[in-house]
Amino acid sequence: MIAAMHGPAPNDAAAEPRPPTLYERRVEALLSLLADSGEAEHVEAHRRTMEALRDDASEGAAWYDRRLAALRSALEDLGILDRADIEARLAGEGEGTA
């Protein structure tokens, strides 16, 4: 009640949101690329996966970790990348690595 009358406390984390980390910005960029592809099925696949992740063991995972897991699953489900492609890219062996 006091916070409602006087605003948030000075040390309240909700008072000033922190800027997103590089990791969080990258996850958002990847999701934007998927959404901007113009393919409604891509966005729908990501949405379905996010909903499924709410009910599984990843509940304790951070928000952006769950979003990235959903993106990975959507890319696999849509046939854009397969598990081997993703693993190779994560290991630095994929296309576009130096």
N, C-alpha and C. Protein backbone atom coordinates (compact mmCIF):
# COMPACT_ATOMS: atom_id res chain seq x y z
N MET A 1 0.82 -1.18 0.00
CA MET A 1 0.00 0.00 0.00
C MET A 1 0.87 1.24 0.00
N ILE A 2 1.93 1.24 0.80
CA ILE A 2 2.81 2.41 0.84
C ILE A 2 3.46 2.64 -0.52
N ALA A 3 3.90 1.56 -1.16
CA ALA A 3 4.51 1.71 -2.49
C ALA A 3 3.51 2.29 -3.48
N ALA A 4 2.25 1.92 -3.35
CA ALA A 4 1.25 2.45 -4.26
C ALA A 4 1.05 3.94 -4.05
N MET A 5 1.19 4.40 -2.82
CA MET A 5 0.99 5.81 -2.53
C MET A 5 2.21 6.65 -2.88
N HIS A 6 3.39 6.11 -2.66
CA HIS A 6 4.62 6.88 -2.82
C HIS A 6 5.50 6.40 -3.96
N GLY A 7 5.08 5.43 -4.71
CA GLY A 7 5.92 4.90 -5.78
C GLY A 7 6.82 3.81 -5.24
N PRO A 8 7.60 3.19 -6.12
CA PRO A 8 8.47 2.09 -5.69
C PRO A 8 9.62 2.59 -4.82
N ALA A 9 10.11 1.71 -3.99
CA ALA A 9 11.25 2.03 -3.15
C ALA A 9 12.48 2.28 -4.01
N PRO A 10 13.43 3.09 -3.55
CA PRO A 10 14.62 3.41 -4.37
C PRO A 10 15.41 2.19 -4.82
N ASN A 11 15.46 1.14 -4.03
CA ASN A 11 16.23 -0.05 -4.38
C ASN A 11 15.37 -1.11 -5.06
N ASP A 12 14.14 -0.78 -5.37
CA ASP A 12 13.22 -1.72 -6.01
C ASP A 12 13.68 -1.98 -7.44
N ALA A 13 13.87 -3.26 -7.80
CA ALA A 13 14.34 -3.63 -9.14
C ALA A 13 13.36 -3.19 -10.21
N ALA A 14 12.08 -3.09 -9.87
CA ALA A 14 11.08 -2.69 -10.86
C ALA A 14 11.14 -1.19 -11.16
N ALA A 15 11.81 -0.43 -10.31
CA ALA A 15 11.87 1.02 -10.49
C ALA A 15 12.63 1.39 -11.76
N GLU A 16 13.74 0.76 -12.00
CA GLU A 16 14.54 1.03 -13.19
C GLU A 16 14.96 -0.29 -13.81
N PRO A 17 14.31 -0.66 -14.90
CA PRO A 17 14.69 -1.93 -15.52
C PRO A 17 16.12 -1.87 -16.06
N ARG A 18 16.80 -2.97 -15.94
CA ARG A 18 18.18 -3.03 -16.43
C ARG A 18 18.17 -3.18 -17.94
N PRO A 19 19.19 -2.71 -18.61
CA PRO A 19 19.24 -2.91 -20.06
C PRO A 19 19.44 -4.40 -20.37
N PRO A 20 18.95 -4.85 -21.52
CA PRO A 20 19.11 -6.27 -21.85
C PRO A 20 20.58 -6.61 -22.08
N THR A 21 20.93 -7.83 -21.73
CA THR A 21 22.30 -8.30 -21.94
C THR A 21 22.51 -8.60 -23.42
N LEU A 22 23.76 -8.81 -23.81
CA LEU A 22 24.07 -9.18 -25.19
C LEU A 22 23.35 -10.48 -25.56
N TYR A 23 23.37 -11.44 -24.66
CA TYR A 23 22.68 -12.72 -24.89
C TYR A 23 21.19 -12.49 -25.15
N GLU A 24 20.55 -11.67 -24.32
CA GLU A 24 19.12 -11.40 -24.48
C GLU A 24 18.83 -10.67 -25.80
N ARG A 25 19.69 -9.74 -26.16
CA ARG A 25 19.50 -9.02 -27.43
C ARG A 25 19.66 -9.97 -28.61
N ARG A 26 20.58 -10.91 -28.51
CA ARG A 26 20.77 -11.88 -29.60
C ARG A 26 19.56 -12.80 -29.75
N VAL A 27 19.02 -13.26 -28.63
CA VAL A 27 17.83 -14.11 -28.69
C VAL A 27 16.68 -13.34 -29.34
N GLU A 28 16.49 -12.09 -28.93
CA GLU A 28 15.42 -11.27 -29.52
C GLU A 28 15.65 -11.04 -31.01
N ALA A 29 16.92 -10.84 -31.41
CA ALA A 29 17.23 -10.64 -32.83
C ALA A 29 16.88 -11.89 -33.64
N LEU A 30 17.23 -13.05 -33.13
CA LEU A 30 16.90 -14.30 -33.83
C LEU A 30 15.38 -14.49 -33.94
N LEU A 31 14.67 -14.18 -32.87
CA LEU A 31 13.21 -14.29 -32.91
C LEU A 31 12.62 -13.29 -33.89
N SER A 32 13.19 -12.10 -33.97
CA SER A 32 12.71 -11.09 -34.93
C SER A 32 12.93 -11.56 -36.35
N LEU A 33 14.08 -12.18 -36.61
CA LEU A 33 14.34 -12.70 -37.96
C LEU A 33 13.32 -13.76 -38.33
N LEU A 34 13.00 -14.62 -37.39
CA LEU A 34 12.01 -15.66 -37.65
C LEU A 34 10.64 -15.04 -37.92
N ALA A 35 10.26 -14.08 -37.10
CA ALA A 35 8.95 -13.42 -37.26
C ALA A 35 8.89 -12.60 -38.55
N ASP A 36 10.00 -11.94 -38.91
CA ASP A 36 10.02 -11.09 -40.09
C ASP A 36 10.17 -11.87 -41.39
N SER A 37 10.25 -13.18 -41.30
CA SER A 37 10.41 -13.99 -42.49
C SER A 37 9.14 -13.97 -43.35
N GLY A 38 8.05 -13.50 -42.77
CA GLY A 38 6.80 -13.45 -43.51
C GLY A 38 6.03 -14.75 -43.51
N GLU A 39 6.56 -15.74 -42.84
CA GLU A 39 5.91 -17.05 -42.78
C GLU A 39 5.16 -17.18 -41.46
N ALA A 40 3.85 -17.15 -41.52
CA ALA A 40 3.03 -17.24 -40.31
C ALA A 40 3.29 -18.55 -39.57
N GLU A 41 3.59 -19.60 -40.32
CA GLU A 41 3.84 -20.90 -39.67
C GLU A 41 5.07 -20.85 -38.77
N HIS A 42 6.04 -20.00 -39.09
CA HIS A 42 7.23 -19.88 -38.25
C HIS A 42 6.87 -19.31 -36.88
N VAL A 43 6.09 -18.24 -36.90
CA VAL A 43 5.67 -17.62 -35.64
C VAL A 43 4.78 -18.58 -34.86
N GLU A 44 3.90 -19.26 -35.54
CA GLU A 44 3.01 -20.22 -34.88
C GLU A 44 3.80 -21.37 -34.27
N ALA A 45 4.81 -21.85 -34.95
CA ALA A 45 5.63 -22.94 -34.41
C ALA A 45 6.34 -22.48 -33.14
N HIS A 46 6.84 -21.27 -33.13
CA HIS A 46 7.52 -20.74 -31.93
C HIS A 46 6.51 -20.60 -30.79
N ARG A 47 5.33 -20.07 -31.07
CA ARG A 47 4.31 -19.91 -30.05
C ARG A 47 3.92 -21.25 -29.42
N ARG A 48 3.70 -22.26 -30.28
CA ARG A 48 3.35 -23.60 -29.77
C ARG A 48 4.44 -24.15 -28.87
N THR A 49 5.67 -23.97 -29.28
CA THR A 49 6.78 -24.49 -28.49
C THR A 49 6.90 -23.76 -27.16
N MET A 50 6.71 -22.44 -27.16
CA MET A 50 6.76 -21.68 -25.91
C MET A 50 5.68 -22.17 -24.95
N GLU A 51 4.49 -22.44 -25.48
CA GLU A 51 3.41 -22.95 -24.64
C GLU A 51 3.76 -24.32 -24.07
N ALA A 52 4.37 -25.17 -24.87
CA ALA A 52 4.75 -26.50 -24.40
C ALA A 52 5.83 -26.40 -23.32
N LEU A 53 6.72 -25.44 -23.45
CA LEU A 53 7.80 -25.29 -22.48
C LEU A 53 7.29 -24.82 -21.12
N ARG A 54 6.14 -24.22 -21.08
CA ARG A 54 5.59 -23.78 -19.79
C ARG A 54 5.31 -24.97 -18.88
N ASP A 55 5.00 -26.11 -19.48
CA ASP A 55 4.56 -27.26 -18.70
C ASP A 55 5.64 -28.31 -18.48
N ASP A 56 6.84 -28.09 -19.01
CA ASP A 56 7.84 -29.15 -18.86
C ASP A 56 8.88 -28.78 -17.81
N ALA A 57 9.96 -29.53 -17.78
CA ALA A 57 10.98 -29.38 -16.75
C ALA A 57 11.77 -28.08 -16.87
N SER A 58 11.61 -27.33 -17.94
CA SER A 58 12.38 -26.09 -18.10
C SER A 58 11.78 -24.94 -17.31
N GLU A 59 10.78 -25.21 -16.48
CA GLU A 59 10.12 -24.15 -15.73
C GLU A 59 11.10 -23.32 -14.91
N GLY A 60 12.17 -23.94 -14.42
CA GLY A 60 13.14 -23.21 -13.64
C GLY A 60 14.14 -22.44 -14.49
N ALA A 61 14.12 -22.65 -15.78
CA ALA A 61 15.07 -21.98 -16.67
C ALA A 61 14.69 -20.52 -16.83
N ALA A 62 15.68 -19.72 -17.14
CA ALA A 62 15.46 -18.30 -17.35
C ALA A 62 14.58 -18.08 -18.58
N TRP A 63 13.88 -16.96 -18.61
CA TRP A 63 12.96 -16.63 -19.70
C TRP A 63 13.64 -16.73 -21.05
N TYR A 64 14.81 -16.12 -21.21
CA TYR A 64 15.47 -16.13 -22.52
C TYR A 64 16.02 -17.51 -22.87
N ASP A 65 16.36 -18.31 -21.88
CA ASP A 65 16.78 -19.69 -22.16
C ASP A 65 15.60 -20.49 -22.73
N ARG A 66 14.42 -20.28 -22.16
CA ARG A 66 13.22 -20.97 -22.68
C ARG A 66 12.89 -20.47 -24.07
N ARG A 67 13.02 -19.17 -24.31
CA ARG A 67 12.73 -18.64 -25.64
C ARG A 67 13.70 -19.20 -26.68
N LEU A 68 14.97 -19.30 -26.30
CA LEU A 68 15.96 -19.85 -27.22
C LEU A 68 15.69 -21.34 -27.49
N ALA A 69 15.31 -22.07 -26.45
CA ALA A 69 14.97 -23.49 -26.63
C ALA A 69 13.76 -23.62 -27.56
N ALA A 70 12.79 -22.74 -27.41
CA ALA A 70 11.61 -22.76 -28.28
C ALA A 70 11.99 -22.42 -29.72
N LEU A 71 12.87 -21.47 -29.89
CA LEU A 71 13.33 -21.11 -31.24
C LEU A 71 14.04 -22.29 -31.88
N ARG A 72 14.92 -22.92 -31.14
CA ARG A 72 15.65 -24.07 -31.66
C ARG A 72 14.68 -25.17 -32.08
N SER A 73 13.71 -25.45 -31.24
CA SER A 73 12.72 -26.48 -31.55
C SER A 73 11.90 -26.11 -32.78
N ALA A 74 11.52 -24.83 -32.88
CA ALA A 74 10.74 -24.38 -34.04
C ALA A 74 11.55 -24.53 -35.33
N LEU A 75 12.84 -24.17 -35.28
CA LEU A 75 13.69 -24.31 -36.47
C LEU A 75 13.81 -25.76 -36.91
N GLU A 76 13.90 -26.67 -35.93
CA GLU A 76 13.96 -28.10 -36.24
C GLU A 76 12.62 -28.59 -36.78
N ASP A 77 11.51 -28.20 -36.14
CA ASP A 77 10.18 -28.65 -36.56
C ASP A 77 9.85 -28.18 -37.97
N LEU A 78 10.30 -26.97 -38.31
CA LEU A 78 10.00 -26.41 -39.62
C LEU A 78 10.95 -26.91 -40.71
N GLY A 79 11.99 -27.65 -40.31
CA GLY A 79 12.95 -28.16 -41.28
C GLY A 79 13.93 -27.11 -41.78
N ILE A 80 14.02 -25.98 -41.07
CA ILE A 80 14.97 -24.93 -41.47
C ILE A 80 16.39 -25.37 -41.13
N LEU A 81 16.56 -25.93 -39.96
CA LEU A 81 17.83 -26.52 -39.52
C LEU A 81 17.52 -27.85 -38.85
N ASP A 82 18.46 -28.78 -38.93
CA ASP A 82 18.27 -30.00 -38.17
C ASP A 82 19.22 -29.98 -36.97
N ARG A 83 19.05 -30.96 -36.10
CA ARG A 83 19.83 -31.00 -34.86
C ARG A 83 21.34 -30.96 -35.15
N ALA A 84 21.79 -31.68 -36.19
CA ALA A 84 23.22 -31.71 -36.52
C ALA A 84 23.71 -30.33 -36.96
N ASP A 85 22.89 -29.62 -37.75
CA ASP A 85 23.25 -28.25 -38.16
C ASP A 85 23.44 -27.35 -36.95
N ILE A 86 22.48 -27.41 -36.04
CA ILE A 86 22.53 -26.55 -34.85
C ILE A 86 23.74 -26.90 -33.99
N GLU A 87 23.97 -28.19 -33.77
CA GLU A 87 25.11 -28.60 -32.95
C GLU A 87 26.43 -28.16 -33.58
N ALA A 88 26.53 -28.29 -34.91
CA ALA A 88 27.76 -27.87 -35.60
C ALA A 88 27.98 -26.37 -35.46
N ARG A 89 26.91 -25.59 -35.58
CA ARG A 89 27.04 -24.14 -35.45
C ARG A 89 27.40 -23.74 -34.03
N LEU A 90 26.84 -24.43 -33.07
CA LEU A 90 27.18 -24.15 -31.68
C LEU A 90 28.64 -24.47 -31.38
N ALA A 91 29.15 -25.49 -32.05
CA ALA A 91 30.55 -25.89 -31.86
C ALA A 91 31.51 -25.04 -32.71
N GLY A 92 30.95 -24.12 -33.51
CA GLY A 92 31.79 -23.26 -34.33
C GLY A 92 32.22 -23.90 -35.63
N GLU A 93 31.55 -24.95 -36.03
CA GLU A 93 31.93 -25.67 -37.24
C GLU A 93 31.01 -25.36 -38.41
N GLY A 94 29.96 -24.60 -38.16
CA GLY A 94 28.94 -24.37 -39.17
C GLY A 94 29.29 -23.29 -40.16
N GLU A 95 28.39 -23.11 -41.07
CA GLU A 95 28.49 -22.10 -42.11
C GLU A 95 28.61 -20.71 -41.48
N GLY A 96 29.46 -19.89 -42.04
CA GLY A 96 29.60 -18.52 -41.57
C GLY A 96 30.56 -18.35 -40.41
N THR A 97 31.25 -19.41 -40.02
CA THR A 97 32.24 -19.25 -38.95
C THR A 97 33.57 -18.91 -39.54
N ALA A 98 34.39 -18.24 -38.78
CA ALA A 98 35.71 -17.81 -39.28
C ALA A 98 36.74 -18.90 -39.17
